[in-house]
């Protein structure tokens, strides 16, 4: 992505990444608000969380649509760099308004195939491993809580695992895939694809440890 960015230009692909990173936590806040009891003990907490999640997602959707449109326009202006890929700024922006997470990850996956993704920290796989460990621990603790009928333990286990998954897992796997795709020899994962799979795993909980475990299994041979 950085290969196309001038010294004074905004890297809209990077902006798009950061906006997508914020989507799961904002959605998570909204889910927490919806799941709160009618009497949470804090006046206005439930409605405040729902409002924050709804307003935050709306703002992020608008940001994703703008970033998609502007970056697609930049790509189209450099036909030699983009080759046969000529993304439509308007179609991508509209797709972003309709379904921001899907539009963003599809665009980033296609963009990566053409331009690559600048790598960052080489140890993001440690955060992926942490999320996997936390998910497994949360699952075991939840089972124990259900068997022993300890509601507080169940809530704490699910809350901890969910917070780490929503807050860090998509970022970690996307960033690490960018590093591996740049420096790996035998395996070059598409960061956009793994970001999309991470989003799906947040709403299909059994998929998260499977995805993290598979990624770490493939990652083990990469020099760090």
Protein backbone atom coordinates (compact mmCIF):
# COMPACT_ATOMS: atom_id res chain seq x y z
CA UNK A 1 0.00 0.00 0.00
CA UNK A 2 2.81 2.36 0.82
CA UNK A 3 4.27 1.93 -2.65
CA UNK A 4 1.58 4.18 -4.10
CA UNK A 5 1.61 6.89 -1.45
CA UNK A 6 3.26 10.23 -2.06
CA UNK A 7 5.04 12.12 0.70
CA UNK A 8 2.14 14.49 1.28
CA UNK A 9 -0.75 12.24 0.32
CA UNK A 10 -3.04 10.41 2.70
CA UNK A 11 -2.64 6.65 2.46
CA UNK A 12 -6.32 5.80 2.20
CA UNK A 13 -5.64 2.08 2.20
CA UNK A 14 -4.02 2.46 5.63
CA UNK A 15 -6.96 4.57 6.79
CA UNK A 16 -9.30 1.82 5.59
CA UNK A 17 -7.36 -0.77 7.60
CA UNK A 18 -7.60 1.27 10.80
CA UNK A 19 -11.31 1.90 10.35
CA UNK A 20 -11.93 -1.82 9.89
CA UNK A 21 -9.91 -2.58 13.01
CA UNK A 22 -12.36 -0.44 14.98
CA UNK A 23 -15.48 -2.16 13.64
CA UNK A 24 -15.43 -5.30 15.87
CA UNK A 25 -15.00 -3.40 19.18
CA UNK A 26 -17.82 -1.00 18.25
CA UNK A 27 -20.09 -3.90 17.29
CA UNK A 28 -19.11 -5.64 20.51
CA UNK A 29 -20.14 -2.62 22.57
CA UNK A 30 -23.51 -2.63 20.83
CA UNK A 31 -23.98 -6.35 21.49
CA UNK A 32 -23.14 -5.86 25.17
CA UNK A 33 -25.72 -3.10 25.36
CA UNK A 34 -28.41 -5.28 23.80
CA UNK A 35 -27.60 -8.19 26.14
CA UNK A 36 -27.63 -6.07 29.30
CA UNK A 37 -30.38 -6.84 31.79
CA UNK A 38 -33.24 -4.41 32.00
CA UNK A 39 -31.89 -3.27 35.37
CA UNK A 40 -28.10 -3.15 34.93
CA UNK A 41 -27.57 -1.14 38.13
CA UNK A 42 -26.23 1.91 36.27
CA UNK A 43 -28.90 4.32 35.02
CA UNK A 44 -28.82 4.65 31.25
CA UNK A 45 -26.00 2.13 30.78
CA UNK A 46 -27.93 -0.17 28.47
CA UNK A 47 -29.28 2.57 26.23
CA UNK A 48 -25.90 4.35 26.27
CA UNK A 49 -24.03 1.26 25.07
CA UNK A 50 -26.56 0.62 22.32
CA UNK A 51 -26.41 4.26 21.24
CA UNK A 52 -22.60 4.24 21.23
CA UNK A 53 -22.50 1.03 19.19
CA UNK A 54 -25.08 2.30 16.70
CA UNK A 55 -23.56 5.77 16.31
CA UNK A 56 -20.02 4.40 16.20
CA UNK A 57 -20.86 1.88 13.49
CA UNK A 58 -22.56 4.58 11.43
CA UNK A 59 -19.49 6.82 11.65
CA UNK A 60 -17.18 3.93 10.74
CA UNK A 61 -19.41 2.98 7.81
CA UNK A 62 -19.18 6.50 6.40
CA UNK A 63 -15.41 6.50 6.93
CA UNK A 64 -15.00 3.15 5.18
CA UNK A 65 -17.09 4.32 2.23
CA UNK A 66 -15.00 7.49 1.85
CA UNK A 67 -11.69 5.61 2.17
CA UNK A 68 -12.78 3.00 -0.38
CA UNK A 69 -13.85 5.61 -2.90
CA UNK A 70 -10.71 7.74 -2.58
CA UNK A 71 -8.29 4.82 -2.67
CA UNK A 72 -10.05 3.24 -5.65
CA UNK A 73 -9.82 6.57 -7.48
CA UNK A 74 -6.08 6.71 -6.79
CA UNK A 75 -5.61 3.16 -8.09
CA UNK A 76 -7.48 3.97 -11.29
CA UNK A 77 -5.26 7.00 -11.87
CA UNK A 78 -2.18 4.76 -11.96
CA UNK A 79 -3.08 2.15 -14.62
CA UNK A 80 0.48 0.89 -14.99
CA UNK A 81 0.62 0.02 -11.32
CA UNK A 82 -2.88 -1.44 -11.12
CA UNK A 83 -2.62 -3.50 -14.30
CA UNK A 84 -5.96 -5.05 -15.22
CA UNK A 85 -7.55 -4.18 -11.88
CA UNK A 86 -9.53 -0.95 -12.15
CA UNK A 87 -11.78 -0.65 -9.09
CA UNK A 88 -14.79 1.63 -9.40
CA UNK A 89 -14.70 4.38 -6.76
CA UNK A 90 -18.47 4.78 -6.72
CA UNK A 91 -19.33 1.08 -6.62
CA UNK A 92 -16.86 0.47 -3.83
CA UNK A 93 -18.17 3.46 -1.87
CA UNK A 94 -21.78 2.29 -2.23
CA UNK A 95 -20.81 -1.25 -1.21
CA UNK A 96 -19.10 0.29 1.81
CA UNK A 97 -22.28 2.12 2.78
CA UNK A 98 -24.34 -1.06 2.45
CA UNK A 99 -21.96 -3.41 4.29
CA UNK A 100 -18.75 -1.76 5.44
CA UNK A 101 -16.86 -4.77 6.88
CA UNK A 102 -17.43 -6.98 3.84
CA UNK A 103 -16.67 -4.19 1.36
CA UNK A 104 -13.47 -3.29 3.19
CA UNK A 105 -12.00 -6.78 3.48
CA UNK A 106 -12.86 -7.71 -0.13
CA UNK A 107 -11.18 -4.54 -1.36
CA UNK A 108 -8.09 -5.06 0.81
CA UNK A 109 -7.77 -8.67 -0.33
CA UNK A 110 -7.89 -7.65 -4.00
CA UNK A 111 -5.54 -4.74 -3.36
CA UNK A 112 -3.04 -6.98 -1.63
CA UNK A 113 -2.85 -9.30 -4.62
CA UNK A 114 -1.86 -6.35 -6.78
CA UNK A 115 0.31 -4.21 -4.50
CA UNK A 116 1.06 -6.20 -1.36
CA UNK A 117 0.60 -4.92 2.20
CA UNK A 118 3.41 -3.15 4.10
CA UNK A 119 4.58 -5.34 6.99
CA UNK A 120 4.95 -4.10 10.53
CA UNK A 121 5.90 -5.82 13.78
CA UNK A 122 7.13 -9.38 13.29
CA UNK A 123 5.66 -10.70 16.56
CA UNK A 124 1.96 -10.24 15.98
CA UNK A 125 1.70 -14.02 15.97
CA UNK A 126 2.16 -13.85 19.75
CA UNK A 127 -1.11 -11.91 20.00
CA UNK A 128 -2.79 -14.51 17.78
CA UNK A 129 -1.48 -17.19 20.16
CA UNK A 130 -2.76 -15.21 23.14
CA UNK A 131 -6.23 -14.96 21.62
CA UNK A 132 -6.21 -18.71 20.97
CA UNK A 133 -5.14 -19.47 24.54
CA UNK A 134 -7.76 -17.11 25.94
CA UNK A 135 -10.50 -18.65 23.81
CA UNK A 136 -9.61 -22.16 24.94
CA UNK A 137 -9.40 -21.06 28.57
CA UNK A 138 -12.74 -19.26 28.27
CA UNK A 139 -14.34 -22.36 26.76
CA UNK A 140 -13.06 -24.61 29.55
CA UNK A 141 -14.09 -22.12 32.24
CA UNK A 142 -17.54 -21.74 30.68
CA UNK A 143 -18.05 -25.51 30.67
CA UNK A 144 -16.95 -25.74 34.32
CA UNK A 145 -19.25 -22.85 35.24
CA UNK A 146 -22.22 -24.54 33.57
CA UNK A 147 -21.50 -27.88 35.22
CA UNK A 148 -21.05 -26.34 38.67
CA UNK A 149 -23.81 -23.76 38.13
CA UNK A 150 -21.62 -20.69 38.74
CA UNK A 151 -23.15 -17.89 36.64
CA UNK A 152 -20.51 -15.31 37.60
CA UNK A 153 -17.69 -17.54 36.36
CA UNK A 154 -19.51 -18.18 33.10
CA UNK A 155 -20.03 -14.46 32.53
CA UNK A 156 -16.41 -13.63 33.37
CA UNK A 157 -15.00 -16.37 31.11
CA UNK A 158 -17.13 -15.45 28.12
CA UNK A 159 -16.53 -11.73 28.68
CA UNK A 160 -12.74 -12.09 28.85
CA UNK A 161 -12.51 -14.31 25.78
CA UNK A 162 -14.91 -12.09 23.85
CA UNK A 163 -13.08 -8.88 24.75
CA UNK A 164 -9.72 -10.18 23.55
CA UNK A 165 -11.22 -11.70 20.42
CA UNK A 166 -13.14 -8.56 19.43
CA UNK A 167 -10.35 -6.17 20.38
CA UNK A 168 -7.16 -7.82 19.16
CA UNK A 169 -7.62 -10.96 17.07
CA UNK A 170 -8.55 -9.35 13.71
CA UNK A 171 -5.75 -6.78 14.05
CA UNK A 172 -3.15 -9.37 15.04
CA UNK A 173 -3.88 -11.88 12.29
CA UNK A 174 -4.08 -9.18 9.60
CA UNK A 175 -0.82 -7.54 10.67
CA UNK A 176 1.03 -10.82 11.00
CA UNK A 177 -0.23 -12.06 7.65
CA UNK A 178 1.16 -8.87 6.11
CA UNK A 179 4.57 -9.67 7.61
CA UNK A 180 4.50 -13.33 6.52
CA UNK A 181 3.32 -12.49 3.00
CA UNK A 182 6.30 -10.14 2.64
CA UNK A 183 9.07 -12.23 4.19
CA UNK A 184 7.77 -15.79 3.97
CA UNK A 185 9.07 -18.15 1.30
CA UNK A 186 6.76 -21.16 1.31
CA UNK A 187 3.55 -19.44 2.40
CA UNK A 188 2.15 -16.03 1.50
CA UNK A 189 -1.22 -15.51 3.22
CA UNK A 190 -3.48 -12.73 1.99
CA UNK A 191 -3.95 -10.29 4.93
CA UNK A 192 -7.32 -9.09 3.64
CA UNK A 193 -8.64 -12.65 3.45
CA UNK A 194 -7.54 -13.43 6.99
CA UNK A 195 -9.03 -10.19 8.26
CA UNK A 196 -12.35 -11.20 6.73
CA UNK A 197 -12.16 -14.70 8.25
CA UNK A 198 -11.36 -13.14 11.62
CA UNK A 199 -14.50 -10.99 11.35
CA UNK A 200 -16.59 -14.08 10.60
CA UNK A 201 -15.06 -15.95 13.54
CA UNK A 202 -16.27 -13.25 15.94
CA UNK A 203 -19.86 -14.20 15.15
CA UNK A 204 -19.20 -17.94 14.82
CA UNK A 205 -17.25 -18.54 18.06
CA UNK A 206 -16.12 -22.12 17.31
CA UNK A 207 -14.35 -20.83 14.18
CA UNK A 208 -12.04 -18.47 16.10
CA UNK A 209 -9.81 -21.12 17.78
CA UNK A 210 -9.85 -23.19 14.59
CA UNK A 211 -8.71 -20.24 12.49
CA UNK A 212 -6.09 -19.15 15.02
CA UNK A 213 -4.78 -22.71 15.39
CA UNK A 214 -4.56 -23.24 11.64
CA UNK A 215 -2.81 -19.92 11.12
CA UNK A 216 -0.24 -20.61 13.85
CA UNK A 217 0.35 -24.11 12.44
CA UNK A 218 1.17 -22.66 9.02
CA UNK A 219 3.11 -19.80 10.60
CA UNK A 220 5.48 -21.98 12.62
CA UNK A 221 7.95 -22.46 9.78
CA UNK A 222 8.32 -18.76 9.01
CA UNK A 223 11.52 -17.11 10.15
CA UNK A 224 10.85 -14.36 12.68
